[in-house]
Amino acid sequence: MAGHDLSLSIQQNYQAFSRQAARGRSRAYEVLAAEVASDPLLLDFLAGLPAAKRQPNLVFAAAWFLLGNPPDIGSLRAAVAGRGPELAAVIRARRTQTNEPARCACLLPALAQLPPPLALLEVGASAGLTLLPDRYSYDYPGHPLIAGTDPQAPVLRCVPRGPVPVPGRVPEVGWRAGLDLNPLDVASAADRYWLECLLWPGEADRQQRLAGAIAVARRDPPAVHRGDLLTDLPALASQAPAGATLVVYHSAVLSYLSEAGRRQFAAVVRGLDAVWLANEPAGTLRAAAADGDAAFRLVRDGRDVLAVTDPHSTWLRWLS
């Protein structure tokens, strides 16, 4: 997982990121995380940050944002030694808000099973790129799904495993809104650059996909409201139109909540007249117990495990 397990030491978190999250995806960050785990200068710098700000993907993205290029061990050590306060300021000011549009490919089969029109409400929505499942095209090998006529819309490729109910068309969306502690603005050059910095070197297809999704969003940006998922969700949900199927969903969000916070959030969602779709690391929901892998689970209404999904949605294994 790309998140930060507060039960582990800084060294253990970087070792886990190297072995579990970056391995097979980004050789550069696999190596860098392992090197950070044994570097006294960097470990001392990280220890001076708030615990929630030490996660590798945030620190590496902040270094990229500051330096203009993905960091390696040399440039990261130089940044800490020569520009430590500046780097720490970027880390403190920013959040891990990876807005991977390909996650729509894992959500789409579940969304397509619901009565249209849909009212989509995403928590932890970042810039809102995963609020646009009806504006992208999809490539499930053997089952292409072309939506819309936007030439800049990315084609999201996802390999289906098992009896994935690939839909014949994208669902009708009648309303959409996002909720985020710090919404990103696709019209802002700094926010667009931050989204690029959150990608991992070595995954070139993600950069192209992000650029296409941003281009789509900039032409008709989804509304992403500033707010806390524990306190502001009901008010936003009340704005969904009557007669639409309200869907509250999220991806890679619950890792940043405490166990108590997850329970509180579950209670809030269950108090709404909504379908709840969670695409999250194993273990963050009781219905998706950890089994030692880095895959996510797609869970409906907190209990029905629909699928196992790749964190960046390169594949989807359907279970129900």
Foldseek 3Di string as FASTA:
>chain_A
DQAADLVDQLLVLLQCCLPAPPVPPFPQSNVQSNVLSPDPLNSVLLVPAPRRLNGSLLLQLLLCLVVVHRDHNVSSSVCCVPVVVVSNVSSVVDDLLQQQLLVLVQCFLVVVVDDDDAAEEEESCAQVLVQPSQQAWEPADVQTEDHDDDPLHYYRYAHEAAPRNDDNYGHHYDHYEYEYQDHAHLVDPSSLSSNVSSDHPPNVVRVSNSVSSSVVCVVPPHHYDNDDLLPCVVVVQVPDDPPGAYEYEYEADLSSPDLVRLVSNLVVVVVDNHKYWYFYFACSAPQRHDDPHGWTFIAISRHRTQWTAHSSRRYIYGDD
